[in-house]
Amino acid sequence: MDLFDAIHERYSYRGALLPTPVPRADLERIAAAGLAAPSGCNAQTPRLILVDDPALLAEAAQILGGREVLATAPALIAVLIDAAPEPTYEGFAFQIEDCAAAVENMLLAVTALGYASVWLDGNLRVQNRAEALGALLGVPADKRVRVILPVGRPAGTGARREKLPYTDRYWFNRYEARD
């Protein structure tokens, strides 16, 4: 799939995923796309855990609240960042930005390979879910789970939310409010 097609085809799929396993070769391609993303000062901070063990997936789904997409996912990617980020430039750390760039690359790779996913991080911020998932996956104390991506073939078409017109969201040279 062409890059621009993948960009326009990608959407947040929250429905059921088919039980068909995701081949490890595909998970590795998705992970490699994520880790190829740019990072602040080339610090390359994101770390990934690729989960395809059915027992771990079932436990993770329980920890994460049992949403349909999580309960049916044949694979899950956990994106880790440092628990206490070290500044890399002028006192600033860029781990959140690094993580976001990696996640977007992976979402595009997921789409290009014909899979579906959804970027989930708010779910991790409540009820100590990030910590519980980290414990399940053996995440060391100096790291934390920041984002999870369930991955699989969609069982349905899923709802696509409408995007605002692009011409209402960009300008040349100066910001210009439009009514």
C-alpha atoms as a PDB file:
ATOM      1  CA  MET A   1       0.000   0.000   0.000  1.00  0.00           C
ATOM      2  CA  ASP A   2       1.234   3.480  -0.870  1.00  0.00           C
ATOM      3  CA  LEU A   3       2.152   5.692   2.117  1.00  0.00           C
ATOM      4  CA  PHE A   4      -0.500   8.288   1.333  1.00  0.00           C
ATOM      5  CA  ASP A   5      -3.134   5.577   0.962  1.00  0.00           C
ATOM      6  CA  ALA A   6      -2.153   4.160   4.363  1.00  0.00           C
ATOM      7  CA  ILE A   7      -2.402   7.632   5.909  1.00  0.00           C
ATOM      8  CA  HIS A   8      -5.917   8.130   4.559  1.00  0.00           C
ATOM      9  CA  GLU A   9      -7.080   4.543   5.212  1.00  0.00           C
ATOM     10  CA  ARG A  10      -5.877   4.442   8.842  1.00  0.00           C
ATOM     11  CA  TYR A  11      -8.543   4.878  11.473  1.00  0.00           C
ATOM     12  CA  SER A  12      -9.051   3.918  15.107  1.00  0.00           C
ATOM     13  CA  TYR A  13     -10.707   0.509  15.050  1.00  0.00           C
ATOM     14  CA  ARG A  14     -12.447  -0.327  18.333  1.00  0.00           C
ATOM     15  CA  GLY A  15     -14.463  -3.381  17.288  1.00  0.00           C
ATOM     16  CA  ALA A  16     -13.840  -7.091  17.541  1.00  0.00           C
ATOM     17  CA  LEU A  17     -10.743  -8.558  15.953  1.00  0.00           C
ATOM     18  CA  LEU A  18     -10.668 -11.950  14.276  1.00  0.00           C
ATOM     19  CA  PRO A  19      -8.898 -14.728  16.219  1.00  0.00           C
ATOM     20  CA  THR A  20      -6.447 -15.274  13.357  1.00  0.00           C
ATOM     21  CA  PRO A  21      -2.903 -15.038  14.773  1.00  0.00           C
ATOM     22  CA  VAL A  22      -0.703 -12.178  13.577  1.00  0.00           C
ATOM     23  CA  PRO A  23       2.502 -13.739  12.219  1.00  0.00           C
ATOM     24  CA  ARG A  24       5.589 -12.723  14.180  1.00  0.00           C
ATOM     25  CA  ALA A  25       7.186 -11.548  10.953  1.00  0.00           C
ATOM     26  CA  ASP A  26       4.366  -8.998  10.587  1.00  0.00           C
ATOM     27  CA  LEU A  27       4.665  -7.936  14.237  1.00  0.00           C
ATOM     28  CA  GLU A  28       8.395  -7.460  13.702  1.00  0.00           C
ATOM     29  CA  ARG A  29       7.768  -5.343  10.591  1.00  0.00           C
ATOM     30  CA  ILE A  30       5.295  -3.196  12.540  1.00  0.00           C
ATOM     31  CA  ALA A  31       7.756  -2.844  15.431  1.00  0.00           C
ATOM     32  CA  ALA A  32      10.621  -1.987  13.072  1.00  0.00           C
ATOM     33  CA  ALA A  33       8.479   0.752  11.510  1.00  0.00           C
ATOM     34  CA  GLY A  34       7.863   2.182  14.964  1.00  0.00           C
ATOM     35  CA  LEU A  35      11.495   2.059  15.985  1.00  0.00           C
ATOM     36  CA  ALA A  36      12.512   3.746  12.720  1.00  0.00           C
ATOM     37  CA  ALA A  37      10.622   6.886  13.790  1.00  0.00           C
ATOM     38  CA  PRO A  38      12.570  10.044  14.579  1.00  0.00           C
ATOM     39  CA  SER A  39      13.374  10.783  18.202  1.00  0.00           C
ATOM     40  CA  GLY A  40      14.579  13.882  20.047  1.00  0.00           C
ATOM     41  CA  CYS A  41      18.376  14.091  19.853  1.00  0.00           C
ATOM     42  CA  ASN A  42      18.252  10.589  18.347  1.00  0.00           C
ATOM     43  CA  ALA A  43      17.864   9.206  21.888  1.00  0.00           C
ATOM     44  CA  GLN A  44      15.683   6.354  20.564  1.00  0.00           C
ATOM     45  CA  THR A  45      13.803   6.087  23.849  1.00  0.00           C
ATOM     46  CA  PRO A  46      10.736   3.920  23.055  1.00  0.00           C
ATOM     47  CA  ARG A  47      10.927   0.219  23.857  1.00  0.00           C
ATOM     48  CA  LEU A  48       8.335  -2.308  22.702  1.00  0.00           C
ATOM     49  CA  ILE A  49       6.900  -5.549  24.006  1.00  0.00           C
ATOM     50  CA  LEU A  50       5.161  -7.613  21.319  1.00  0.00           C
ATOM     51  CA  VAL A  51       2.588  -9.873  22.935  1.00  0.00           C
ATOM     52  CA  ASP A  52       1.133 -12.845  21.054  1.00  0.00           C
ATOM     53  CA  ASP A  53       0.773 -15.413  23.845  1.00  0.00           C
ATOM     54  CA  PRO A  54      -2.975 -16.117  24.233  1.00  0.00           C
ATOM     55  CA  ALA A  55      -2.760 -16.506  28.027  1.00  0.00           C
ATOM     56  CA  LEU A  56      -0.947 -13.170  28.426  1.00  0.00           C
ATOM     57  CA  LEU A  57      -3.389 -11.493  26.052  1.00  0.00           C
ATOM     58  CA  ALA A  58      -6.336 -12.753  28.106  1.00  0.00           C
ATOM     59  CA  GLU A  59      -4.769 -11.478  31.347  1.00  0.00           C
ATOM     60  CA  ALA A  60      -3.923  -8.144  29.715  1.00  0.00           C
ATOM     61  CA  ALA A  61      -7.515  -7.758  28.485  1.00  0.00           C
ATOM     62  CA  GLN A  62      -8.798  -8.293  32.035  1.00  0.00           C
ATOM     63  CA  ILE A  63      -6.351  -5.736  33.440  1.00  0.00           C
ATOM     64  CA  LEU A  64      -7.321  -3.245  30.738  1.00  0.00           C
ATOM     65  CA  GLY A  65     -11.049  -3.435  31.368  1.00  0.00           C
ATOM     66  CA  GLY A  66     -12.214  -5.987  28.822  1.00  0.00           C
ATOM     67  CA  ARG A  67     -12.967  -3.697  25.871  1.00  0.00           C
ATOM     68  CA  GLU A  68     -13.987  -5.703  22.836  1.00  0.00           C
ATOM     69  CA  VAL A  69     -10.902  -4.780  20.812  1.00  0.00           C
ATOM     70  CA  LEU A  70      -8.650  -5.853  23.693  1.00  0.00           C
ATOM     71  CA  ALA A  71     -10.627  -8.980  24.563  1.00  0.00           C
ATOM     72  CA  THR A  72     -10.378 -10.255  20.974  1.00  0.00           C
ATOM     73  CA  ALA A  73      -6.892  -9.043  19.971  1.00  0.00           C
ATOM     74  CA  PRO A  74      -4.582 -11.829  18.771  1.00  0.00           C
ATOM     75  CA  ALA A  75      -1.613  -9.497  19.387  1.00  0.00           C
ATOM     76  CA  LEU A  76      -0.774  -6.433  21.417  1.00  0.00           C
ATOM     77  CA  ILE A  77       2.113  -4.001  21.299  1.00  0.00           C
ATOM     78  CA  ALA A  78       3.037  -2.258  24.544  1.00  0.00           C
ATOM     79  CA  VAL A  79       5.091   0.900  24.083  1.00  0.00           C
ATOM     80  CA  LEU A  80       7.392   1.713  26.994  1.00  0.00           C
ATOM     81  CA  ILE A  81       9.082   4.912  28.052  1.00  0.00           C
ATOM     82  CA  ASP A  82      11.395   5.702  30.968  1.00  0.00           C
ATOM     83  CA  ALA A  83       9.617   6.207  34.286  1.00  0.00           C
ATOM     84  CA  ALA A  84      11.902   9.173  35.031  1.00  0.00           C
ATOM     85  CA  PRO A  85      12.936  10.642  31.665  1.00  0.00           C
ATOM     86  CA  GLU A  86      16.404  12.120  31.394  1.00  0.00           C
ATOM     87  CA  PRO A  87      16.612  15.493  29.654  1.00  0.00           C
ATOM     88  CA  THR A  88      18.319  15.267  26.268  1.00  0.00           C
ATOM     89  CA  TYR A  89      18.321  18.914  25.165  1.00  0.00           C
ATOM     90  CA  GLU A  90      18.420  22.120  27.196  1.00  0.00           C
ATOM     91  CA  GLY A  91      16.743  20.431  30.162  1.00  0.00           C
ATOM     92  CA  PHE A  92      13.922  18.910  28.096  1.00  0.00           C
ATOM     93  CA  ALA A  93      13.040  15.256  27.595  1.00  0.00           C
ATOM     94  CA  PHE A  94      11.227  14.175  24.441  1.00  0.00           C
ATOM     95  CA  GLN A  95       9.990  10.709  25.341  1.00  0.00           C
ATOM     96  CA  ILE A  96       6.311  11.508  24.845  1.00  0.00           C
ATOM     97  CA  GLU A  97       7.054  12.896  21.388  1.00  0.00           C
ATOM     98  CA  ASP A  98       9.333   9.938  20.609  1.00  0.00           C
ATOM     99  CA  CYS A  99       6.603   7.549  21.715  1.00  0.00           C
ATOM    100  CA  ALA A 100       3.970   9.345  19.617  1.00  0.00           C
ATOM    101  CA  ALA A 101       6.144   9.237  16.496  1.00  0.00           C
ATOM    102  CA  ALA A 102       6.789   5.511  16.978  1.00  0.00           C
ATOM    103  CA  VAL A 103       3.090   4.796  17.543  1.00  0.00           C
ATOM    104  CA  GLU A 104       2.028   6.675  14.413  1.00  0.00           C
ATOM    105  CA  ASN A 105       4.576   4.795  12.304  1.00  0.00           C
ATOM    106  CA  MET A 106       3.276   1.506  13.719  1.00  0.00           C
ATOM    107  CA  LEU A 107      -0.344   2.458  13.054  1.00  0.00           C
ATOM    108  CA  LEU A 108       0.530   3.183   9.435  1.00  0.00           C
ATOM    109  CA  ALA A 109       2.372  -0.140   9.155  1.00  0.00           C
ATOM    110  CA  VAL A 110      -0.628  -1.924  10.713  1.00  0.00           C
ATOM    111  CA  THR A 111      -2.871  -0.359   8.065  1.00  0.00           C
ATOM    112  CA  ALA A 112      -0.478  -1.081   5.196  1.00  0.00           C
ATOM    113  CA  LEU A 113      -0.384  -4.763   6.207  1.00  0.00           C
ATOM    114  CA  GLY A 114      -4.190  -5.014   6.307  1.00  0.00           C
ATOM    115  CA  TYR A 115      -4.599  -5.118  10.079  1.00  0.00           C
ATOM    116  CA  ALA A 116      -6.526  -2.825  12.395  1.00  0.00           C
ATOM    117  CA  SER A 117      -5.627  -1.156  15.678  1.00  0.00           C
ATOM    118  CA  VAL A 118      -6.401   1.723  17.996  1.00  0.00           C
ATOM    119  CA  TRP A 119      -4.040   3.949  19.979  1.00  0.00           C
ATOM    120  CA  LEU A 120      -4.894   3.416  23.661  1.00  0.00           C
ATOM    121  CA  ASP A 121      -3.263   5.375  26.438  1.00  0.00           C
ATOM    122  CA  GLY A 122      -6.057   6.906  28.521  1.00  0.00           C
ATOM    123  CA  ASN A 123      -7.118   3.396  29.529  1.00  0.00           C
ATOM    124  CA  LEU A 124      -3.662   2.915  31.082  1.00  0.00           C
ATOM    125  CA  ARG A 125      -3.907   6.038  33.226  1.00  0.00           C
ATOM    126  CA  VAL A 126      -6.767   4.865  35.428  1.00  0.00           C
ATOM    127  CA  GLN A 127      -7.022   2.196  38.115  1.00  0.00           C
ATOM    128  CA  ASN A 128      -3.229   1.567  38.048  1.00  0.00           C
ATOM    129  CA  ARG A 129      -3.640  -0.336  34.782  1.00  0.00           C
ATOM    130  CA  ALA A 130      -0.242   0.689  33.393  1.00  0.00           C
ATOM    131  CA  GLU A 131       1.459  -0.615  36.508  1.00  0.00           C
ATOM    132  CA  ALA A 132      -0.554  -3.849  36.510  1.00  0.00           C
ATOM    133  CA  LEU A 133       0.132  -4.456  32.817  1.00  0.00           C
ATOM    134  CA  GLY A 134       3.799  -3.642  33.373  1.00  0.00           C
ATOM    135  CA  ALA A 135       3.955  -6.221  36.172  1.00  0.00           C
ATOM    136  CA  LEU A 136       2.295  -8.839  33.943  1.00  0.00           C
ATOM    137  CA  LEU A 137       4.782  -8.163  31.135  1.00  0.00           C
ATOM    138  CA  GLY A 138       7.861  -7.983  33.365  1.00  0.00           C
ATOM    139  CA  VAL A 139       8.509  -4.297  32.720  1.00  0.00           C
ATOM    140  CA  PRO A 140      11.431  -3.128  34.897  1.00  0.00           C
ATOM    141  CA  ALA A 141      10.845  -0.432  37.531  1.00  0.00           C
ATOM    142  CA  ASP A 142      12.679   2.212  35.490  1.00  0.00           C
ATOM    143  CA  LYS A 143      10.205   1.859  32.575  1.00  0.00           C
ATOM    144  CA  ARG A 144       6.437   2.257  32.246  1.00  0.00           C
ATOM    145  CA  VAL A 145       3.822   1.305  29.697  1.00  0.00           C
ATOM    146  CA  ARG A 146       2.654   4.484  27.947  1.00  0.00           C
ATOM    147  CA  VAL A 147       0.603   3.231  24.951  1.00  0.00           C
ATOM    148  CA  ILE A 148      -0.899  -0.073  23.871  1.00  0.00           C
ATOM    149  CA  LEU A 149      -1.868  -1.123  20.378  1.00  0.00           C
ATOM    150  CA  PRO A 150      -4.118  -4.156  19.950  1.00  0.00           C
ATOM    151  CA  VAL A 151      -3.409  -5.659  16.513  1.00  0.00           C
ATOM    152  CA  GLY A 152      -5.436  -8.035  14.363  1.00  0.00           C
ATOM    153  CA  ARG A 153      -7.698  -8.425  11.370  1.00  0.00           C
ATOM    154  CA  PRO A 154     -10.942  -6.499  11.861  1.00  0.00           C
ATOM    155  CA  ALA A 155     -14.093  -8.579  12.263  1.00  0.00           C
ATOM    156  CA  GLY A 156     -16.195  -5.727  10.871  1.00  0.00           C
ATOM    157  CA  THR A 157     -15.857  -2.399   9.146  1.00  0.00           C
ATOM    158  CA  GLY A 158     -15.722  -0.195  12.247  1.00  0.00           C
ATOM    159  CA  ALA A 159     -16.908   3.367  12.576  1.00  0.00           C
ATOM    160  CA  ARG A 160     -14.744   6.015  10.963  1.00  0.00           C
ATOM    161  CA  ARG A 161     -15.013   9.451  12.474  1.00  0.00           C
ATOM    162  CA  GLU A 162     -15.209  12.339  10.073  1.00  0.00           C
ATOM    163  CA  LYS A 163     -12.167  14.597   9.824  1.00  0.00           C
ATOM    164  CA  LEU A 164     -12.492  18.350   9.568  1.00  0.00           C
ATOM    165  CA  PRO A 165     -11.675  19.672   6.099  1.00  0.00           C
ATOM    166  CA  TYR A 166      -7.918  20.032   5.738  1.00  0.00           C
ATOM    167  CA  THR A 167      -8.295  23.505   4.288  1.00  0.00           C
ATOM    168  CA  ASP A 168      -9.828  24.578   7.612  1.00  0.00           C
ATOM    169  CA  ARG A 169      -6.741  23.388   9.465  1.00  0.00           C
ATOM    170  CA  TYR A 170      -3.740  24.736   7.562  1.00  0.00           C
ATOM    171  CA  TRP A 171      -2.535  28.024   6.125  1.00  0.00           C
ATOM    172  CA  PHE A 172       0.477  29.326   4.273  1.00  0.00           C
ATOM    173  CA  ASN A 173       2.735  31.812   5.996  1.00  0.00           C
ATOM    174  CA  ARG A 174       0.303  33.063   8.682  1.00  0.00           C
ATOM    175  CA  TYR A 175      -2.527  31.729  10.783  1.00  0.00           C
ATOM    176  CA  GLU A 176      -5.827  32.920   9.375  1.00  0.00           C
ATOM    177  CA  ALA A 177      -9.073  32.204  11.145  1.00  0.00           C
ATOM    178  CA  ARG A 178     -11.886  31.234   8.784  1.00  0.00           C
ATOM    179  CA  ASP A 179     -15.568  31.375   9.551  1.00  0.00           C
END
